[in-house]
Protein backbone atom coordinates (compact mmCIF):
# COMPACT_ATOMS: atom_id res chain seq x y z
CA MET A 1 -51.53 -20.66 -23.98
CA LYS A 2 -50.14 -18.07 -26.40
CA LYS A 3 -51.16 -15.23 -24.11
CA ALA A 4 -49.53 -16.94 -21.17
CA GLY A 5 -46.38 -17.38 -23.24
CA ILE A 6 -46.36 -13.71 -24.24
CA LEU A 7 -46.88 -12.72 -20.61
CA LEU A 8 -43.96 -14.87 -19.45
CA ILE A 9 -41.71 -13.53 -22.21
CA ALA A 10 -42.62 -9.96 -21.23
CA LEU A 11 -41.88 -10.73 -17.59
CA GLY A 12 -38.56 -12.25 -18.61
CA PHE A 13 -37.55 -9.10 -20.49
CA TYR A 14 -38.71 -6.97 -17.56
CA CYS A 15 -36.55 -8.96 -15.16
CA VAL A 16 -33.53 -8.58 -17.46
CA LEU A 17 -34.04 -4.81 -17.60
CA LEU A 18 -34.48 -4.72 -13.83
CA ALA A 19 -31.28 -6.69 -13.28
CA PHE A 20 -29.21 -4.48 -15.58
CA ASN A 21 -30.61 -1.28 -14.11
CA MET A 22 -29.37 -2.30 -10.67
CA ASP A 23 -26.36 -0.24 -9.63
CA VAL A 24 -23.96 -3.16 -9.37
CA VAL A 25 -21.40 -2.62 -12.10
CA VAL A 26 -18.84 0.16 -12.51
CA GLY A 27 -16.47 -0.87 -15.27
CA LYS A 28 -15.63 -4.43 -14.23
CA THR A 29 -15.90 -3.82 -10.51
CA TYR A 30 -18.93 -5.54 -9.01
CA ASN A 31 -20.69 -4.62 -5.80
CA ILE A 32 -20.80 -7.74 -3.63
CA GLY A 33 -23.83 -6.57 -1.70
CA LEU A 34 -26.15 -6.58 -4.74
CA LEU A 35 -24.52 -9.34 -6.77
CA ASN A 36 -26.50 -12.27 -5.44
CA GLU A 37 -29.76 -10.38 -5.83
CA ARG A 38 -28.97 -9.54 -9.42
CA GLN A 39 -27.89 -13.10 -10.13
CA ASN A 40 -31.19 -14.44 -8.84
CA ILE A 41 -33.14 -12.02 -11.03
CA VAL A 42 -31.16 -13.06 -14.12
CA TYR A 43 -31.85 -16.72 -13.37
CA LEU A 44 -35.57 -15.94 -12.98
CA SER A 45 -35.67 -13.95 -16.22
CA GLY A 46 -34.09 -16.86 -18.10
CA ILE A 47 -36.64 -19.30 -16.75
CA LEU A 48 -39.56 -16.97 -17.56
CA PHE A 49 -38.24 -16.21 -21.04
CA LEU A 50 -37.68 -19.84 -22.02
CA SER A 51 -40.99 -20.93 -20.50
CA GLY A 52 -42.75 -18.19 -22.41
CA ILE A 53 -41.18 -19.28 -25.69
CA MET A 54 -42.26 -22.86 -25.08
CA LEU A 55 -45.84 -21.91 -24.18
CA PHE A 56 -46.08 -19.52 -27.10
CA GLY A 57 -44.77 -22.17 -29.48
CA PHE A 58 -47.01 -24.89 -28.14
CA GLY A 59 -49.95 -22.53 -28.49
CA PHE A 60 -49.28 -22.19 -32.18
CA VAL A 61 -48.85 -25.90 -32.67
CA ALA A 62 -51.93 -26.78 -30.64
CA LYS A 63 -54.15 -24.57 -32.77
CA GLU A 64 -52.45 -25.68 -35.97
CA GLU A 65 -52.11 -22.09 -37.08
CA THR A 66 -50.03 -22.75 -40.17
CA LYS A 67 -49.73 -19.07 -41.01
CA ASN A 68 -47.80 -18.52 -37.80
CA ILE A 69 -45.35 -21.37 -38.38
CA LYS A 70 -42.79 -18.84 -39.60
CA ALA A 71 -43.13 -16.84 -36.42
CA PHE A 72 -42.74 -20.01 -34.37
CA ALA A 73 -39.67 -20.93 -36.42
CA LEU A 74 -38.26 -17.49 -35.73
CA TRP A 75 -38.78 -17.98 -32.00
CA THR A 76 -37.18 -21.40 -32.25
CA PHE A 77 -34.23 -19.88 -34.11
CA LEU A 78 -33.82 -17.12 -31.54
CA THR A 79 -33.83 -19.51 -28.58
CA PRO A 80 -30.30 -20.94 -29.12
CA ILE A 81 -29.04 -17.39 -29.65
CA VAL A 82 -30.62 -15.87 -26.57
CA LEU A 83 -29.86 -18.86 -24.36
CA PRO A 84 -26.03 -18.58 -24.70
CA MET A 85 -26.33 -14.87 -23.96
CA GLY A 86 -28.14 -15.68 -20.74
CA ILE A 87 -25.59 -18.34 -19.88
CA LYS A 88 -22.74 -15.85 -20.47
CA ILE A 89 -24.42 -13.26 -18.28
CA VAL A 90 -24.75 -15.79 -15.49
CA ALA A 91 -21.15 -16.94 -16.01
CA ASP A 92 -19.88 -13.32 -15.88
CA ILE A 93 -21.76 -12.69 -12.66
CA GLN A 94 -20.46 -15.91 -11.12
CA GLU A 95 -16.90 -15.01 -12.14
CA ALA A 96 -17.33 -11.50 -10.70
CA ASN A 97 -18.66 -13.04 -7.51
CA ARG A 98 -15.61 -15.34 -7.33
CA GLN A 99 -13.20 -12.45 -7.97
CA ASN A 100 -14.88 -10.35 -5.28
CA GLU A 101 -14.62 -13.21 -2.83
CA ILE A 102 -10.90 -13.50 -3.64
CA ARG A 103 -10.41 -9.74 -3.18
CA LEU A 104 -12.30 -9.86 0.09
CA GLN A 105 -10.15 -12.75 1.31
CA VAL A 106 -6.95 -10.92 0.28
CA ALA A 107 -8.09 -7.70 2.00
CA THR A 108 -8.95 -9.65 5.15
CA LYS A 109 -5.55 -11.37 5.16
CA GLN A 110 -3.80 -8.03 4.63
CA LYS A 111 -5.63 -6.52 7.60
CA GLU A 112 -4.81 -9.54 9.73
CA GLN A 113 -1.15 -9.35 8.65
CA ALA A 114 -1.00 -5.62 9.39
CA ALA A 115 -2.47 -6.20 12.85
CA ALA A 116 0.00 -9.04 13.43
CA ASP A 117 2.90 -6.81 12.35
CA VAL A 118 1.81 -4.05 14.75
CA LYS A 119 1.52 -6.58 17.58
CA LYS A 120 4.97 -7.99 16.74
CA GLN A 121 6.49 -4.50 16.74
CA GLU A 122 4.98 -3.76 20.15
CA GLU A 123 6.28 -7.06 21.53
CA MET A 124 9.74 -6.28 20.13
CA ARG A 125 9.68 -2.84 21.75
CA LEU A 126 8.83 -4.34 25.14
CA GLN A 127 11.60 -6.91 24.80
CA ALA A 128 14.03 -4.23 23.64
CA ALA A 129 13.42 -1.87 26.59
CA PRO A 130 16.78 -2.81 28.25
CA ILE A 131 18.56 -2.34 24.90
CA LEU A 132 16.93 1.09 24.48
CA LYS A 133 18.15 2.16 27.93
CA GLU A 134 21.64 0.92 27.06
CA ASN A 135 21.60 3.02 23.89
CA SER A 136 20.14 6.06 25.68
CA ASP A 137 23.01 6.01 28.18
CA LYS A 138 25.37 6.79 25.28
CA PHE A 139 23.82 10.25 24.80
CA VAL A 140 23.88 13.46 26.81
CA ASP A 141 20.92 15.80 26.40
CA ASN A 142 22.29 19.34 26.21
CA LYS A 143 18.78 20.79 26.80
CA ASP A 144 19.07 23.07 23.76
CA GLY A 145 17.88 20.87 20.90
CA THR A 146 21.21 19.06 20.67
CA VAL A 147 22.65 15.83 22.08
CA THR A 148 26.23 14.70 22.46
CA PHE A 149 27.20 11.12 21.62
CA LYS A 150 29.64 10.09 24.36
CA THR A 151 31.53 7.52 22.29
CA THR A 152 32.55 9.97 19.54
CA GLY A 153 32.14 13.30 21.32
CA LEU A 154 30.11 14.58 18.36
CA MET A 155 27.22 16.97 18.94
CA TRP A 156 24.08 16.33 16.89
CA GLN A 157 21.04 18.41 16.13
CA ARG A 158 18.03 16.50 17.41
CA CYS A 159 15.84 17.64 14.52
CA SER A 160 16.23 17.02 10.82
CA PHE A 161 16.94 20.00 8.57
CA GLY A 162 13.65 21.81 7.97
CA GLN A 163 12.13 20.82 11.33
CA THR A 164 11.89 23.03 14.44
CA TRP A 165 12.85 22.04 17.98
CA THR A 166 9.93 22.94 20.28
CA GLY A 167 11.68 22.11 23.55
CA GLU A 168 10.08 18.66 23.62
CA THR A 169 9.95 17.36 20.06
CA CYS A 170 10.68 18.13 16.41
CA SER A 171 7.76 19.78 14.63
CA GLY A 172 7.21 20.15 10.92
CA LYS A 173 8.36 18.10 7.95
CA ALA A 174 12.00 17.41 7.17
CA THR A 175 13.20 19.08 3.97
CA ASP A 176 14.21 16.85 1.04
CA ILE A 177 17.31 18.22 -0.69
CA THR A 178 19.99 16.98 -3.09
CA TRP A 179 23.47 15.99 -1.95
CA TYR A 180 24.91 19.04 -3.75
CA ASP A 181 22.77 21.36 -1.59
CA ALA A 182 23.27 19.28 1.57
CA ILE A 183 27.06 19.43 1.40
CA LYS A 184 26.91 23.26 1.37
CA LEU A 185 24.56 23.58 4.37
CA THR A 186 25.56 25.75 7.32
CA SER A 187 23.62 26.56 10.47
CA ASN A 188 23.68 28.87 13.47
CA PHE A 189 22.04 26.76 16.14
CA ALA A 190 22.38 26.39 19.92
CA GLY A 191 25.21 28.95 20.00
CA HIS A 192 27.33 27.20 17.35
CA SER A 193 27.96 28.01 13.69
CA ASP A 194 30.25 25.13 12.70
CA TRP A 195 27.50 22.62 11.85
CA ARG A 196 28.18 20.36 8.87
CA LEU A 197 26.96 17.29 7.00
CA PRO A 198 28.20 14.09 8.77
CA THR A 199 30.28 11.40 7.09
CA ARG A 200 28.74 7.97 6.51
CA ASP A 201 30.61 6.41 9.44
CA GLU A 202 29.48 9.23 11.74
CA LEU A 203 25.87 8.90 10.64
CA ILE A 204 25.94 5.12 11.10
CA THR A 205 26.68 5.60 14.81
CA LEU A 206 23.10 6.88 15.21
CA VAL A 207 21.59 3.68 13.79
CA PHE A 208 19.85 1.80 16.59
CA CYS A 209 19.18 -1.89 15.96
CA TRP A 210 16.63 -2.97 18.56
CA ASN A 211 17.88 -6.56 18.46
CA ARG A 212 21.59 -5.72 18.56
CA GLU A 213 22.10 -7.58 15.24
CA ILE A 214 24.50 -5.04 13.77
CA LYS A 215 26.71 -5.62 10.76
CA THR A 216 29.97 -3.70 10.49
CA LEU A 217 30.26 -2.27 7.00
CA GLY A 218 33.53 -1.88 5.17
CA LYS A 219 34.69 1.36 3.59
CA GLU A 220 33.12 0.60 0.20
CA GLU A 221 30.50 -1.89 1.35
CA ALA A 222 26.78 -1.28 0.99
CA GLY A 223 24.05 -3.22 2.72
CA PHE A 224 22.04 -3.53 5.89
CA ILE A 225 23.53 -2.35 9.14
CA CYS A 226 20.66 -3.96 11.08
CA THR A 227 20.67 -7.53 9.78
CA GLY A 228 17.72 -9.00 11.70
CA SER A 229 14.13 -7.90 12.21
CA VAL A 230 13.97 -4.17 12.82
CA ILE A 231 11.63 -1.73 14.52
CA SER A 232 11.20 1.37 12.43
CA PRO A 233 12.61 3.95 12.75
CA THR A 234 16.05 2.50 13.49
CA ILE A 235 17.13 5.42 15.65
CA ASN A 236 16.66 6.33 19.31
CA THR A 237 13.46 8.38 19.06
CA THR A 238 13.88 9.58 22.64
CA TYR A 239 16.67 11.84 21.43
CA PHE A 240 15.78 12.06 17.73
CA PRO A 241 11.97 12.28 17.53
CA ASN A 242 9.95 12.38 14.33
CA THR A 243 12.71 10.76 12.27
CA ASN A 244 12.23 8.69 9.13
CA SER A 245 13.43 8.27 5.56
CA TRP A 246 16.98 8.50 4.19
CA PHE A 247 19.70 10.89 5.31
CA TRP A 248 22.61 12.15 3.26
CA SER A 249 26.18 11.74 4.40
CA SER A 250 29.09 13.84 3.13
CA SER A 251 30.87 10.71 1.88
CA PRO A 252 31.01 10.25 -1.91
CA PHE A 253 30.80 6.74 -3.35
CA ALA A 254 33.45 6.78 -6.06
CA LEU A 255 33.40 2.97 -6.41
CA ILE A 256 30.32 3.24 -8.63
CA SER A 257 30.61 6.77 -10.00
CA SER A 258 31.46 10.30 -8.92
CA ASP A 259 27.72 10.98 -9.30
CA PHE A 260 26.93 8.83 -6.21
CA ALA A 261 27.11 9.50 -2.47
CA TRP A 262 26.33 7.49 0.67
CA TYR A 263 23.10 7.74 2.58
CA VAL A 264 21.80 6.00 5.71
CA GLY A 265 18.17 4.91 5.94
CA PHE A 266 16.65 5.20 9.40
CA ASN A 267 13.45 3.54 8.26
CA ASP A 268 15.14 0.12 8.02
CA GLY A 269 18.74 0.55 9.19
CA ASN A 270 20.28 0.35 5.73
CA SER A 271 23.27 2.14 4.24
CA ASN A 272 23.63 2.48 0.49
CA ALA A 273 24.53 4.87 -2.30
CA SER A 274 22.30 7.07 -4.41
CA TYR A 275 22.59 9.70 -7.14
CA LYS A 276 23.72 13.02 -5.72
CA ASP A 277 20.89 14.83 -7.48
CA SER A 278 18.22 12.73 -5.75
CA ASN A 279 16.46 14.05 -2.64
CA SER A 280 17.01 12.93 0.95
CA ASN A 281 16.83 14.36 4.47
CA VAL A 282 19.73 15.87 6.42
CA ARG A 283 20.84 15.88 10.07
CA LEU A 284 23.73 18.20 10.91
CA VAL A 285 26.63 17.51 13.27
CA ARG A 286 29.58 19.38 14.74
CA GLY A 287 32.85 18.36 16.29
């Protein structure tokens, strides 16, 4: 009986070592794929270890080996110490399993939400096709990388500062610059050299709200121009391709501080103020 107990104890220790040598833990991040397997091995090791202690102890008692009573007492003393350790290991694994299940559920919901958002955007684009045509009719393509907005008569560069007009689209990445540098920009483009930074009100005319829910902003008012659900970017990409982010206007915002100036965000159709030394994109205008 003692030998059987020793064998079971040895097997229990072996199972513990096997479980902890499994590549399932990096810091506190558990691998879901191996977690259940490790958990089962820990359970098995606990059963083997406790069974071994019982058999080993009963072996001593059965043979009335008084000289080994101290050893048996030591085993008996160790049992309540080792048992909580095993329980904690199992509890930690179960908690890790629960946390991983939560993370998996959150990740799944995020993917589903992202797919739903993409589908909603596509549906909005289809519904907004007549509105897009209505907006497109307000522009004249000058066939030289510029468009003229009929309502204001202003001529706009189709590409953001830093991009290159290829004849079909705007290539490259728009340059992020401070308001202090933007206000000094000049350009010789499409046969004109009088390009400048637009005012806030001029820049707002390029905002395209796909649902027509447009808010008219006052002179010192900040907030959303497109008040409802928007399709990003909030600009007619037929005439202004590869557009995103915020764009500086030449209008200072003295209501807060002389250190602020207006920008218009074509990612969400928002107009607000920012520090002049922060970076934004630029689109030049003339007229």
